[in-house]
N, C-alpha and C. Protein backbone atom coordinates (compact mmCIF):
# COMPACT_ATOMS: atom_id res chain seq x y z
N UNK A 1 120.58 113.77 179.51
CA UNK A 1 122.34 113.60 179.10
C UNK A 1 121.88 113.33 177.18
N UNK A 2 122.71 114.14 176.60
CA UNK A 2 122.27 113.85 175.22
C UNK A 2 123.70 112.68 175.21
N UNK A 3 123.15 111.78 174.22
CA UNK A 3 123.99 110.59 173.42
C UNK A 3 125.35 111.32 173.32
N UNK A 4 126.18 110.51 173.22
CA UNK A 4 127.23 111.13 172.11
C UNK A 4 127.19 111.02 171.06
N UNK A 5 125.90 110.44 170.16
CA UNK A 5 125.36 110.50 168.92
C UNK A 5 125.45 111.47 168.46
N UNK A 6 124.84 111.55 169.01
CA UNK A 6 123.69 113.05 168.83
C UNK A 6 124.29 114.36 169.13
N UNK A 7 125.14 114.04 170.00
CA UNK A 7 126.11 115.09 170.34
C UNK A 7 127.12 115.66 169.09
N UNK A 8 127.74 114.40 168.83
CA UNK A 8 128.68 113.97 167.54
C UNK A 8 127.66 114.66 166.33
N UNK A 9 126.23 114.54 166.19
CA UNK A 9 125.33 115.01 164.80
C UNK A 9 124.94 116.64 164.80
N UNK A 10 125.23 116.72 165.99
CA UNK A 10 124.97 118.39 165.24
C UNK A 10 125.94 119.25 165.05
N UNK A 11 127.25 118.31 164.97
CA UNK A 11 128.58 119.98 165.00
C UNK A 11 128.21 119.32 163.34
N UNK A 12 128.73 120.58 162.83
CA UNK A 12 128.79 121.82 161.20
C UNK A 12 129.38 119.88 160.69
N UNK A 13 129.65 120.56 159.41
CA UNK A 13 130.81 119.96 158.22
C UNK A 13 132.16 120.09 158.65
N UNK A 14 132.73 119.31 158.53
CA UNK A 14 134.19 118.64 158.65
C UNK A 14 135.01 120.58 158.25
N UNK A 15 134.25 120.96 156.89
CA UNK A 15 135.03 122.43 156.61
C UNK A 15 134.81 123.75 157.21
N UNK A 16 133.50 123.28 158.61
CA UNK A 16 133.79 124.69 158.86
C UNK A 16 135.02 125.11 159.67
N UNK A 17 134.57 125.97 159.59
CA UNK A 17 136.08 126.44 160.71
C UNK A 17 135.42 126.31 162.14
N UNK A 18 134.53 125.89 162.87
CA UNK A 18 134.52 125.74 164.24
C UNK A 18 134.85 124.38 164.52
N UNK A 19 134.91 122.92 163.72
CA UNK A 19 135.16 122.08 163.50
C UNK A 19 135.33 120.89 164.86
N UNK A 20 136.49 121.55 164.26
CA UNK A 20 137.93 120.56 165.84
C UNK A 20 137.64 121.09 166.63
N UNK A 21 137.07 122.68 166.87
CA UNK A 21 137.40 123.25 167.99
C UNK A 21 136.00 122.37 169.04
N UNK A 22 134.69 122.46 168.12
CA UNK A 22 134.06 121.60 168.91
C UNK A 22 133.64 120.37 168.82
N UNK A 23 134.90 119.57 168.29
CA UNK A 23 135.15 118.01 168.75
C UNK A 23 135.75 118.18 169.63
N UNK A 24 136.89 119.30 170.09
CA UNK A 24 137.74 119.17 171.07
C UNK A 24 136.97 119.61 172.39
N UNK A 25 135.64 120.07 172.41
CA UNK A 25 134.70 120.59 173.38
C UNK A 25 134.12 118.47 173.95
N UNK A 26 133.98 117.92 172.83
CA UNK A 26 133.04 116.57 173.11
C UNK A 26 134.07 115.93 174.03
N UNK A 27 135.39 115.72 172.70
CA UNK A 27 136.39 114.53 173.38
C UNK A 27 137.21 114.79 175.07
N UNK A 28 137.41 116.50 175.43
CA UNK A 28 137.60 117.09 176.86
C UNK A 28 136.57 117.16 177.60
N UNK A 29 135.09 116.63 177.81
CA UNK A 29 134.35 116.95 178.25
C UNK A 29 134.25 115.76 179.22
N UNK A 30 133.83 115.95 180.47
CA UNK A 30 134.35 114.99 181.58
C UNK A 30 133.69 113.36 181.41
N UNK A 31 132.74 114.41 180.93
CA UNK A 31 131.43 112.62 180.55
C UNK A 31 131.66 111.89 179.14
N UNK A 32 131.68 112.43 177.97
CA UNK A 32 132.20 111.88 176.84
C UNK A 32 133.46 111.97 176.63
N UNK A 33 134.28 112.24 177.53
CA UNK A 33 135.98 112.11 176.99
C UNK A 33 136.03 110.72 177.33
N UNK A 34 135.37 110.07 178.84
CA UNK A 34 136.43 108.92 179.31
C UNK A 34 135.58 107.53 178.80
N UNK A 35 135.01 107.91 177.87
CA UNK A 35 134.12 106.55 177.08
C UNK A 35 134.25 106.11 175.56
N UNK A 36 135.80 106.28 175.62
CA UNK A 36 136.75 106.14 174.26
C UNK A 36 135.89 104.98 173.55
N UNK A 37 135.67 104.08 174.40
CA UNK A 37 134.72 102.56 174.04
C UNK A 37 133.75 103.13 172.66
N UNK A 38 132.81 104.13 173.23
CA UNK A 38 131.48 104.64 173.04
C UNK A 38 132.07 104.62 171.60
N UNK A 39 133.02 106.70 171.52
CA UNK A 39 133.64 106.77 169.85
C UNK A 39 133.65 105.28 168.91
N UNK A 40 134.51 104.02 169.59
CA UNK A 40 134.88 103.19 168.40
C UNK A 40 133.49 102.65 168.20
N UNK A 41 132.03 102.49 168.55
CA UNK A 41 131.31 102.24 168.41
C UNK A 41 130.50 102.92 167.40
N UNK A 42 130.69 103.80 167.58
CA UNK A 42 130.42 104.80 166.32
C UNK A 42 131.37 104.42 165.33
N UNK A 43 132.02 104.53 165.23
CA UNK A 43 133.05 104.01 164.09
C UNK A 43 132.86 102.90 163.82
N UNK A 44 133.34 102.23 164.57
CA UNK A 44 132.60 100.27 163.46
C UNK A 44 131.58 100.12 162.91
N UNK A 45 130.24 100.90 163.66
CA UNK A 45 129.44 100.57 162.86
C UNK A 45 129.32 101.45 161.10
N UNK A 46 129.21 100.50 160.76
CA UNK A 46 129.43 100.50 159.27
C UNK A 46 127.61 101.61 158.47
N UNK A 47 126.69 101.49 159.42
CA UNK A 47 125.29 101.90 158.44
C UNK A 47 125.37 103.68 159.14
N UNK A 48 126.52 103.60 160.14
CA UNK A 48 126.40 105.30 160.43
C UNK A 48 127.05 106.13 159.29
N UNK A 49 126.41 106.82 159.22
CA UNK A 49 127.12 108.07 158.50
C UNK A 49 128.04 108.33 158.02
N UNK A 50 128.98 108.79 157.18
CA UNK A 50 130.26 109.16 157.17
C UNK A 50 130.79 110.51 158.01
N UNK A 51 130.02 111.06 157.77
CA UNK A 51 130.70 111.88 159.06
C UNK A 51 130.75 112.20 160.14
N UNK A 52 129.68 111.34 160.82
CA UNK A 52 129.36 111.18 161.76
C UNK A 52 130.62 110.01 162.32
N UNK A 53 131.27 109.19 161.45
CA UNK A 53 132.15 108.60 161.61
C UNK A 53 133.34 108.91 161.86
N UNK A 54 133.79 109.96 160.65
CA UNK A 54 134.50 110.70 160.66
C UNK A 54 135.06 111.38 162.52
N UNK A 55 133.62 112.03 162.33
CA UNK A 55 133.95 112.68 164.28
C UNK A 55 134.42 111.77 165.03
N UNK A 56 133.60 110.87 165.32
CA UNK A 56 134.26 109.73 166.25
C UNK A 56 135.40 109.65 166.04
N UNK A 57 136.26 109.10 164.56
CA UNK A 57 137.70 109.20 164.32
C UNK A 57 138.52 110.56 164.88
N UNK A 58 138.12 111.62 164.74
CA UNK A 58 138.64 112.67 164.81
C UNK A 58 139.40 113.06 166.43
N UNK A 59 137.84 112.78 167.14
CA UNK A 59 137.71 112.85 168.35
C UNK A 59 139.08 112.05 169.03
N UNK A 60 139.15 110.56 168.65
CA UNK A 60 140.16 110.07 169.05
C UNK A 60 141.50 109.92 168.73
N UNK A 61 141.71 110.56 167.09
CA UNK A 61 142.55 111.10 166.74
C UNK A 61 143.88 112.17 167.31
N UNK A 62 142.23 113.16 168.11
CA UNK A 62 142.72 114.61 168.94
C UNK A 62 143.19 113.84 170.09
N UNK A 63 142.63 113.15 171.14
CA UNK A 63 142.99 112.45 172.18
C UNK A 63 144.17 111.90 172.43
N UNK A 64 144.27 110.95 171.26
CA UNK A 64 145.40 110.30 171.26
C UNK A 64 146.94 111.58 171.07
N UNK A 65 146.57 112.53 170.42
CA UNK A 65 147.44 113.46 169.55
C UNK A 65 148.04 113.76 170.81
N UNK A 66 146.57 114.74 171.49
CA UNK A 66 147.54 115.60 172.65
C UNK A 66 148.06 114.80 173.99
N UNK A 67 147.46 114.00 174.16
CA UNK A 67 148.18 112.74 175.27
C UNK A 67 149.19 111.99 175.05
N UNK A 68 149.44 112.12 173.51
CA UNK A 68 151.05 111.32 173.46
C UNK A 68 151.14 110.33 173.16
N UNK A 69 149.49 109.85 172.94
CA UNK A 69 149.12 108.06 172.47
C UNK A 69 149.46 107.48 171.43
N UNK A 70 151.01 106.90 171.34
CA UNK A 70 151.00 107.36 170.20
C UNK A 70 150.80 105.73 169.35
N UNK A 71 150.71 105.22 170.12
CA UNK A 71 150.53 103.49 169.79
C UNK A 71 148.98 103.53 169.76
N UNK A 72 148.18 104.15 170.68
CA UNK A 72 146.78 104.45 169.65
C UNK A 72 146.36 105.15 168.97
N UNK A 73 147.02 106.15 168.34
CA UNK A 73 147.06 106.91 167.55
C UNK A 73 147.57 105.97 166.41
N UNK A 74 148.40 105.29 166.12
CA UNK A 74 148.82 104.26 165.44
C UNK A 74 147.79 103.28 164.75
N UNK A 75 147.41 102.88 165.53
CA UNK A 75 146.58 101.95 165.33
C UNK A 75 145.09 102.51 165.05
N UNK A 76 144.52 103.34 165.15
CA UNK A 76 143.26 103.88 164.90
C UNK A 76 143.70 104.50 163.11
N UNK A 77 144.90 105.28 163.45
CA UNK A 77 145.19 105.90 161.92
C UNK A 77 145.13 104.72 160.47
N UNK A 78 146.03 103.03 160.78
CA UNK A 78 145.98 102.43 160.77
C UNK A 78 144.56 101.94 160.15
N UNK A 79 144.05 101.71 160.82
CA UNK A 79 142.80 100.77 161.02
C UNK A 79 141.53 101.52 159.99
N UNK A 80 141.44 102.95 160.29
CA UNK A 80 140.45 103.69 160.00
C UNK A 80 140.87 104.68 158.57
N UNK A 81 141.73 105.43 158.89
CA UNK A 81 142.34 106.07 157.74
C UNK A 81 141.63 106.53 156.31
N UNK A 82 141.02 104.84 155.99
CA UNK A 82 141.08 104.31 154.80
C UNK A 82 139.94 105.27 153.99
N UNK A 83 138.79 104.73 155.49
CA UNK A 83 137.52 105.46 155.24
C UNK A 83 136.75 106.52 154.86
N UNK A 84 138.31 108.12 154.87
CA UNK A 84 137.94 109.12 154.77
C UNK A 84 138.58 109.78 153.51
N UNK A 85 138.77 109.21 152.64
CA UNK A 85 139.41 110.08 151.33
C UNK A 85 138.85 110.59 150.49
N UNK A 86 137.52 111.42 150.36
CA UNK A 86 136.75 111.61 150.55
C UNK A 86 137.67 113.32 150.16
N UNK A 87 137.01 114.16 149.04
CA UNK A 87 137.66 115.23 149.15
C UNK A 87 137.48 115.99 150.43
N UNK A 88 136.50 116.08 150.62
CA UNK A 88 135.62 117.00 151.57
C UNK A 88 136.59 116.97 153.25
N UNK A 89 137.39 115.95 153.71
CA UNK A 89 138.42 115.05 154.51
C UNK A 89 139.60 115.64 154.71
N UNK A 90 139.76 115.69 152.96
CA UNK A 90 141.39 115.66 152.73
C UNK A 90 142.16 116.77 153.62
N UNK A 91 141.82 118.36 154.12
CA UNK A 91 142.23 118.66 154.73
C UNK A 91 142.75 118.01 156.05
N UNK A 92 141.66 117.25 156.84
CA UNK A 92 142.29 116.89 158.23
C UNK A 92 142.78 115.63 158.22
N UNK A 93 142.87 114.92 156.82
CA UNK A 93 143.29 113.74 157.05
C UNK A 93 144.71 114.09 156.28
N UNK A 94 144.81 115.60 156.36
CA UNK A 94 146.72 115.61 155.66
C UNK A 94 147.16 115.48 156.95
N UNK A 95 146.42 116.58 158.13
CA UNK A 95 146.51 116.72 159.72
C UNK A 95 147.46 115.13 160.03
N UNK A 96 146.45 114.47 159.50
CA UNK A 96 146.72 113.26 160.61
C UNK A 96 147.38 112.56 159.85
N UNK A 97 147.74 112.36 159.37
CA UNK A 97 148.95 112.04 158.30
C UNK A 97 150.24 112.49 158.82
N UNK A 98 150.11 113.75 159.41
CA UNK A 98 151.23 114.69 159.47
C UNK A 98 151.90 114.12 160.87
N UNK A 99 150.51 113.75 161.85
CA UNK A 99 151.06 114.12 163.63
C UNK A 99 151.41 112.16 163.37
N UNK A 100 150.32 111.12 162.19
CA UNK A 100 150.70 109.86 162.68
C UNK A 100 152.65 109.78 161.57
N UNK A 101 153.06 110.76 161.00
CA UNK A 101 154.54 110.23 160.34
C UNK A 101 155.37 111.12 161.13
N UNK A 102 155.21 111.98 162.61
CA UNK A 102 155.84 112.47 162.98
C UNK A 102 156.46 111.70 164.36
N UNK A 103 155.08 111.04 164.77
CA UNK A 103 155.01 110.49 165.86
C UNK A 103 156.03 109.08 165.34
N UNK A 104 155.54 108.41 164.28
CA UNK A 104 156.20 107.08 163.62
C UNK A 104 157.48 107.36 163.61
N UNK A 105 158.19 108.83 163.44
CA UNK A 105 159.81 108.73 162.61
C UNK A 105 160.16 109.07 164.79
N UNK A 106 159.83 109.82 165.40
CA UNK A 106 159.93 110.11 166.71
C UNK A 106 160.11 108.37 167.12
N UNK A 107 159.51 107.70 167.22
CA UNK A 107 159.21 106.21 168.07
C UNK A 107 160.43 105.19 167.11
N UNK A 108 160.71 105.52 165.82
CA UNK A 108 161.30 105.37 165.03
C UNK A 108 163.54 105.24 166.07
N UNK A 109 163.17 106.76 166.10
CA UNK A 109 164.41 107.28 166.30
C UNK A 109 164.84 106.40 168.20
N UNK A 110 163.39 106.68 168.62
CA UNK A 110 163.50 106.26 169.98
C UNK A 110 164.59 104.26 170.24
N UNK A 111 163.90 104.30 169.21
CA UNK A 111 164.29 102.56 169.27
C UNK A 111 165.75 102.16 168.92
N UNK A 112 166.09 103.15 167.80
CA UNK A 112 167.01 103.33 167.85
C UNK A 112 168.35 103.62 168.73
N UNK A 113 167.92 104.48 169.27
CA UNK A 113 168.63 105.45 170.42
C UNK A 113 168.99 103.73 171.27
N UNK A 114 167.95 103.20 171.83
CA UNK A 114 168.48 102.55 172.42
C UNK A 114 169.08 100.96 172.23
């Protein structure tokens, strides 16, 4: 079996058309999708290439968004989004922020309704 790190390194540049589709195939895979700690290990390791770390970040973000795991999404974004301020990530970072604020707004509305 190919390691998660190798699998993520095989993915092209974040600006490529297939980038997010390739990440979805990994995060929703029977094997790679169940090991969140492996994604966090890649993300936390400062010596890892920034593209690799972003791929791990975006995989987790995609999973949390898809399954509406809003508190995990909040924590992920609040902890790591600052690492990815380079121009080549801006389009995907904007998507992350839009979903983050959507879930935050919904959370506030639900709390206020109680």
